[in-house]
N, C-alpha and C. Protein backbone atom coordinates (compact mmCIF):
# COMPACT_ATOMS: atom_id res chain seq x y z
N UNK A 1 130.75 -37.17 -194.49
CA UNK A 1 131.99 -37.94 -194.40
C UNK A 1 131.91 -39.13 -195.35
N UNK A 2 132.95 -39.39 -196.08
CA UNK A 2 132.99 -40.49 -197.03
C UNK A 2 133.32 -41.79 -196.33
N UNK A 3 132.70 -42.88 -196.75
CA UNK A 3 133.00 -44.20 -196.19
C UNK A 3 134.34 -44.68 -196.70
N UNK A 4 135.03 -45.45 -195.90
CA UNK A 4 136.34 -45.99 -196.26
C UNK A 4 136.27 -46.81 -197.54
N UNK A 5 135.15 -47.51 -197.77
CA UNK A 5 135.03 -48.39 -198.93
C UNK A 5 135.14 -47.63 -200.25
N UNK A 6 134.81 -46.36 -200.25
CA UNK A 6 134.86 -45.62 -201.50
C UNK A 6 136.18 -44.86 -201.68
N UNK A 7 137.03 -44.94 -200.69
CA UNK A 7 138.30 -44.21 -200.76
C UNK A 7 139.38 -45.10 -201.38
N UNK A 8 140.26 -44.50 -202.13
CA UNK A 8 141.37 -45.26 -202.72
C UNK A 8 142.35 -45.65 -201.62
N UNK A 9 142.95 -46.83 -201.70
CA UNK A 9 143.91 -47.24 -200.68
C UNK A 9 145.16 -46.38 -200.69
N UNK A 10 145.71 -46.17 -199.51
CA UNK A 10 146.99 -45.46 -199.41
C UNK A 10 148.09 -46.48 -199.68
N UNK A 11 148.91 -46.19 -200.62
CA UNK A 11 150.00 -47.11 -200.94
C UNK A 11 151.30 -46.58 -200.38
N UNK A 12 152.13 -47.46 -199.86
CA UNK A 12 153.38 -47.04 -199.24
C UNK A 12 154.42 -46.63 -200.27
N UNK A 13 155.31 -45.79 -199.85
CA UNK A 13 156.46 -45.45 -200.67
C UNK A 13 157.70 -46.00 -199.99
N UNK A 14 158.40 -46.85 -200.66
CA UNK A 14 159.60 -47.43 -200.07
C UNK A 14 160.81 -46.54 -200.28
N UNK A 15 160.66 -45.54 -201.13
CA UNK A 15 161.77 -44.66 -201.41
C UNK A 15 162.82 -45.29 -202.29
N UNK A 16 162.49 -46.39 -202.91
CA UNK A 16 163.44 -47.07 -203.79
C UNK A 16 162.85 -47.18 -205.18
N UNK A 17 163.65 -47.64 -206.10
CA UNK A 17 163.16 -47.85 -207.46
C UNK A 17 162.33 -49.13 -207.54
N UNK A 18 162.32 -49.91 -206.47
CA UNK A 18 161.57 -51.17 -206.46
C UNK A 18 160.25 -51.00 -205.72
N UNK A 19 159.45 -50.05 -206.13
CA UNK A 19 158.15 -49.83 -205.51
C UNK A 19 157.23 -50.97 -205.93
N UNK A 20 157.02 -51.90 -205.01
CA UNK A 20 156.32 -53.14 -205.32
C UNK A 20 154.90 -52.95 -205.82
N UNK A 21 154.23 -51.93 -205.36
CA UNK A 21 152.83 -51.79 -205.75
C UNK A 21 152.64 -51.42 -207.21
N UNK A 22 153.68 -50.96 -207.87
CA UNK A 22 153.53 -50.63 -209.30
C UNK A 22 153.26 -51.87 -210.13
N UNK A 23 153.58 -53.05 -209.59
CA UNK A 23 153.34 -54.31 -210.30
C UNK A 23 152.13 -55.06 -209.73
N UNK A 24 151.40 -54.43 -208.80
CA UNK A 24 150.27 -55.11 -208.13
C UNK A 24 149.07 -55.25 -209.05
N UNK A 25 148.41 -56.39 -208.97
CA UNK A 25 147.20 -56.63 -209.76
C UNK A 25 146.06 -55.69 -209.39
N UNK A 26 146.08 -55.14 -208.20
CA UNK A 26 144.98 -54.29 -207.74
C UNK A 26 145.08 -52.86 -208.26
N UNK A 27 146.18 -52.51 -208.87
CA UNK A 27 146.32 -51.15 -209.42
C UNK A 27 145.19 -50.90 -210.40
N UNK A 28 144.42 -49.88 -210.14
CA UNK A 28 143.31 -49.53 -211.01
C UNK A 28 142.02 -50.29 -210.73
N UNK A 29 142.06 -51.26 -209.82
CA UNK A 29 140.86 -52.01 -209.47
C UNK A 29 139.96 -51.17 -208.56
N UNK A 30 138.73 -51.56 -208.46
CA UNK A 30 137.77 -50.89 -207.59
C UNK A 30 138.19 -51.07 -206.14
N UNK A 31 138.51 -49.97 -205.46
CA UNK A 31 138.94 -50.03 -204.07
C UNK A 31 137.87 -50.63 -203.17
N UNK A 32 136.61 -50.54 -203.57
CA UNK A 32 135.52 -51.11 -202.79
C UNK A 32 135.64 -52.61 -202.62
N UNK A 33 136.33 -53.28 -203.55
CA UNK A 33 136.55 -54.72 -203.39
C UNK A 33 137.46 -55.00 -202.20
N UNK A 34 138.44 -54.16 -202.01
CA UNK A 34 139.46 -54.39 -200.99
C UNK A 34 139.09 -53.82 -199.64
N UNK A 35 138.08 -52.95 -199.61
CA UNK A 35 137.64 -52.33 -198.36
C UNK A 35 136.14 -52.49 -198.22
N UNK A 36 135.66 -53.73 -198.36
CA UNK A 36 134.24 -54.03 -198.25
C UNK A 36 133.76 -53.74 -196.82
N UNK A 37 132.58 -53.18 -196.72
CA UNK A 37 132.01 -52.83 -195.41
C UNK A 37 130.93 -53.85 -195.05
N UNK A 38 131.00 -54.37 -193.84
CA UNK A 38 129.99 -55.29 -193.36
C UNK A 38 130.38 -56.75 -193.49
N UNK A 39 129.41 -57.60 -193.18
CA UNK A 39 129.65 -59.06 -193.23
C UNK A 39 128.58 -59.77 -194.04
N UNK A 40 127.76 -59.01 -194.76
CA UNK A 40 126.70 -59.60 -195.57
C UNK A 40 127.23 -60.25 -196.84
N UNK A 41 126.33 -60.79 -197.62
CA UNK A 41 126.69 -61.51 -198.84
C UNK A 41 127.47 -60.64 -199.82
N UNK A 42 127.06 -59.37 -199.96
CA UNK A 42 127.75 -58.48 -200.90
C UNK A 42 129.18 -58.22 -200.46
N UNK A 43 129.38 -57.98 -199.18
CA UNK A 43 130.74 -57.74 -198.65
C UNK A 43 131.60 -58.98 -198.82
N UNK A 44 131.06 -60.14 -198.54
CA UNK A 44 131.84 -61.38 -198.69
C UNK A 44 132.19 -61.65 -200.15
N UNK A 45 131.27 -61.32 -201.05
CA UNK A 45 131.56 -61.47 -202.49
C UNK A 45 132.71 -60.56 -202.89
N UNK A 46 132.73 -59.33 -202.38
CA UNK A 46 133.80 -58.39 -202.69
C UNK A 46 135.15 -58.88 -202.15
N UNK A 47 135.14 -59.40 -200.93
CA UNK A 47 136.38 -59.92 -200.34
C UNK A 47 136.90 -61.09 -201.17
N UNK A 48 136.02 -61.99 -201.58
CA UNK A 48 136.45 -63.13 -202.42
C UNK A 48 137.03 -62.64 -203.74
N UNK A 49 136.42 -61.62 -204.35
CA UNK A 49 136.93 -61.07 -205.61
C UNK A 49 138.30 -60.44 -205.40
N UNK A 50 138.47 -59.72 -204.30
CA UNK A 50 139.77 -59.10 -204.01
C UNK A 50 140.84 -60.17 -203.82
N UNK A 51 140.51 -61.20 -203.06
CA UNK A 51 141.49 -62.28 -202.82
C UNK A 51 141.84 -63.01 -204.11
N UNK A 52 140.89 -63.12 -205.04
CA UNK A 52 141.17 -63.76 -206.33
C UNK A 52 142.22 -62.95 -207.10
N UNK A 53 142.11 -61.62 -207.06
CA UNK A 53 143.13 -60.78 -207.70
C UNK A 53 144.48 -61.00 -207.02
N UNK A 54 144.48 -61.10 -205.71
CA UNK A 54 145.72 -61.28 -204.95
C UNK A 54 146.40 -62.62 -205.25
N UNK A 55 145.60 -63.66 -205.42
CA UNK A 55 146.18 -65.00 -205.66
C UNK A 55 147.08 -65.03 -206.89
N UNK A 56 146.75 -64.23 -207.88
CA UNK A 56 147.55 -64.20 -209.11
C UNK A 56 148.52 -63.03 -209.14
N UNK A 57 148.66 -62.33 -208.03
CA UNK A 57 149.48 -61.12 -208.00
C UNK A 57 150.96 -61.44 -207.78
N UNK A 58 151.85 -60.85 -208.57
CA UNK A 58 153.27 -61.12 -208.42
C UNK A 58 153.90 -60.48 -207.18
N UNK A 59 153.19 -59.56 -206.53
CA UNK A 59 153.77 -58.89 -205.35
C UNK A 59 152.91 -59.10 -204.10
N UNK A 60 152.19 -60.21 -204.02
CA UNK A 60 151.35 -60.49 -202.85
C UNK A 60 152.19 -60.58 -201.58
N UNK A 61 153.39 -61.12 -201.67
CA UNK A 61 154.26 -61.25 -200.49
C UNK A 61 154.64 -59.90 -199.89
N UNK A 62 155.22 -59.00 -200.67
CA UNK A 62 155.54 -57.68 -200.12
C UNK A 62 154.30 -56.92 -199.65
N UNK A 63 153.19 -57.12 -200.31
CA UNK A 63 151.94 -56.48 -199.93
C UNK A 63 151.50 -56.96 -198.55
N UNK A 64 151.57 -58.26 -198.33
CA UNK A 64 151.21 -58.82 -197.04
C UNK A 64 152.16 -58.33 -195.95
N UNK A 65 153.45 -58.29 -196.25
CA UNK A 65 154.43 -57.79 -195.28
C UNK A 65 154.11 -56.35 -194.89
N UNK A 66 153.76 -55.54 -195.86
CA UNK A 66 153.40 -54.15 -195.59
C UNK A 66 152.18 -54.09 -194.67
N UNK A 67 151.16 -54.87 -194.98
CA UNK A 67 149.93 -54.84 -194.18
C UNK A 67 150.19 -55.30 -192.75
N UNK A 68 151.03 -56.31 -192.57
CA UNK A 68 151.34 -56.78 -191.23
C UNK A 68 152.12 -55.73 -190.44
N UNK A 69 153.00 -55.04 -191.10
CA UNK A 69 153.82 -54.03 -190.43
C UNK A 69 153.04 -52.75 -190.13
N UNK A 70 152.04 -52.44 -190.94
CA UNK A 70 151.36 -51.16 -190.79
C UNK A 70 149.95 -51.27 -190.24
N UNK A 71 149.47 -52.48 -189.99
CA UNK A 71 148.14 -52.70 -189.42
C UNK A 71 147.04 -52.09 -190.29
N UNK A 72 147.14 -52.31 -191.59
CA UNK A 72 146.16 -51.79 -192.54
C UNK A 72 144.82 -52.50 -192.43
N UNK A 73 143.76 -51.80 -192.81
CA UNK A 73 142.45 -52.42 -192.91
C UNK A 73 142.26 -52.92 -194.34
N UNK A 74 141.26 -53.75 -194.54
CA UNK A 74 140.96 -54.24 -195.88
C UNK A 74 141.76 -55.47 -196.26
N UNK A 75 141.65 -55.84 -197.53
CA UNK A 75 142.36 -57.01 -198.07
C UNK A 75 143.71 -56.56 -198.61
N UNK A 76 144.78 -57.14 -198.09
CA UNK A 76 146.15 -56.87 -198.53
C UNK A 76 146.88 -58.20 -198.60
N UNK A 77 147.62 -58.43 -199.65
CA UNK A 77 148.40 -59.65 -199.76
C UNK A 77 147.56 -60.91 -199.69
N UNK A 78 146.32 -60.82 -200.13
CA UNK A 78 145.43 -61.98 -200.14
C UNK A 78 144.82 -62.33 -198.81
N UNK A 79 144.93 -61.45 -197.83
CA UNK A 79 144.36 -61.72 -196.51
C UNK A 79 143.47 -60.57 -196.06
N UNK A 80 142.44 -60.93 -195.30
CA UNK A 80 141.56 -59.93 -194.70
C UNK A 80 142.10 -59.56 -193.33
N UNK A 81 141.56 -58.48 -192.78
CA UNK A 81 142.03 -57.98 -191.47
C UNK A 81 142.02 -59.07 -190.41
N UNK A 82 140.91 -59.80 -190.31
CA UNK A 82 140.80 -60.83 -189.26
C UNK A 82 141.84 -61.92 -189.43
N UNK A 83 142.22 -62.24 -190.64
CA UNK A 83 143.26 -63.25 -190.88
C UNK A 83 144.63 -62.74 -190.46
N UNK A 84 144.88 -61.47 -190.70
CA UNK A 84 146.18 -60.90 -190.33
C UNK A 84 146.32 -60.72 -188.82
N UNK A 85 145.22 -60.50 -188.11
CA UNK A 85 145.30 -60.37 -186.65
C UNK A 85 145.94 -61.61 -186.04
N UNK A 86 145.55 -62.78 -186.49
CA UNK A 86 146.12 -64.02 -185.99
C UNK A 86 147.60 -64.14 -186.34
N UNK A 87 147.97 -63.72 -187.53
CA UNK A 87 149.37 -63.76 -187.95
C UNK A 87 150.22 -62.83 -187.11
N UNK A 88 149.72 -61.61 -186.86
CA UNK A 88 150.47 -60.65 -186.03
C UNK A 88 150.66 -61.20 -184.62
N UNK A 89 149.62 -61.81 -184.06
CA UNK A 89 149.72 -62.36 -182.70
C UNK A 89 150.75 -63.48 -182.66
N UNK A 90 150.78 -64.32 -183.69
CA UNK A 90 151.75 -65.41 -183.73
C UNK A 90 153.17 -64.86 -183.83
N UNK A 91 153.38 -63.84 -184.66
CA UNK A 91 154.71 -63.24 -184.80
C UNK A 91 155.15 -62.65 -183.47
N UNK A 92 154.24 -61.98 -182.77
CA UNK A 92 154.59 -61.40 -181.47
C UNK A 92 155.00 -62.48 -180.48
N UNK A 93 154.27 -63.60 -180.46
CA UNK A 93 154.61 -64.70 -179.55
C UNK A 93 155.99 -65.27 -179.87
N UNK A 94 156.29 -65.40 -181.18
CA UNK A 94 157.59 -65.95 -181.58
C UNK A 94 158.73 -65.00 -181.24
N UNK A 95 158.45 -63.69 -181.27
CA UNK A 95 159.48 -62.70 -180.97
C UNK A 95 159.68 -62.50 -179.47
N UNK A 96 158.70 -62.91 -178.68
CA UNK A 96 158.74 -62.69 -177.23
C UNK A 96 159.83 -63.57 -176.61
N UNK A 97 160.63 -62.96 -175.82
CA UNK A 97 161.70 -63.68 -175.10
C UNK A 97 161.39 -63.64 -173.61
N UNK A 98 161.69 -64.69 -172.88
CA UNK A 98 161.47 -64.65 -171.44
C UNK A 98 162.25 -63.47 -170.85
N UNK A 99 161.61 -62.84 -169.87
CA UNK A 99 162.25 -61.68 -169.26
C UNK A 99 161.97 -61.69 -167.76
N UNK A 100 162.52 -60.74 -167.07
CA UNK A 100 162.36 -60.65 -165.63
C UNK A 100 161.14 -59.82 -165.21
N UNK A 101 160.41 -59.31 -166.16
CA UNK A 101 159.26 -58.49 -165.81
C UNK A 101 158.16 -59.37 -165.23
N UNK A 102 157.55 -58.97 -164.11
CA UNK A 102 156.53 -59.79 -163.48
C UNK A 102 155.31 -59.99 -164.38
N UNK A 103 155.01 -59.04 -165.26
CA UNK A 103 153.84 -59.18 -166.12
C UNK A 103 154.17 -59.87 -167.44
N UNK A 104 155.41 -60.20 -167.68
CA UNK A 104 155.80 -60.87 -168.92
C UNK A 104 155.86 -59.91 -170.08
N UNK A 105 155.74 -60.45 -171.28
CA UNK A 105 155.81 -59.63 -172.48
C UNK A 105 154.52 -58.86 -172.69
N UNK A 106 154.68 -57.68 -173.23
CA UNK A 106 153.49 -56.87 -173.54
C UNK A 106 153.43 -56.59 -174.99
């Protein structure tokens, strides 16, 4: 079985002529940078390198939106998985409306 780090990322198709990833800085980059395995020095170096590409990317915003909506692993839109978990939780709290359910929002 191949490790995720060596696999190319799956890119979304919006079905429009404005496919944002065609302008992404990561196109053609080593997928291992964006899907680093582990928490050691080498993995952290790869994550920093991926985020550096994202910082200068013209489509980091749509990329981040895609990752938040699809729960992707790896670095997307300049954020790592653990960073997006907090963002998703905050969005869920903001979207939650008081209701009559005894257990509240789920």
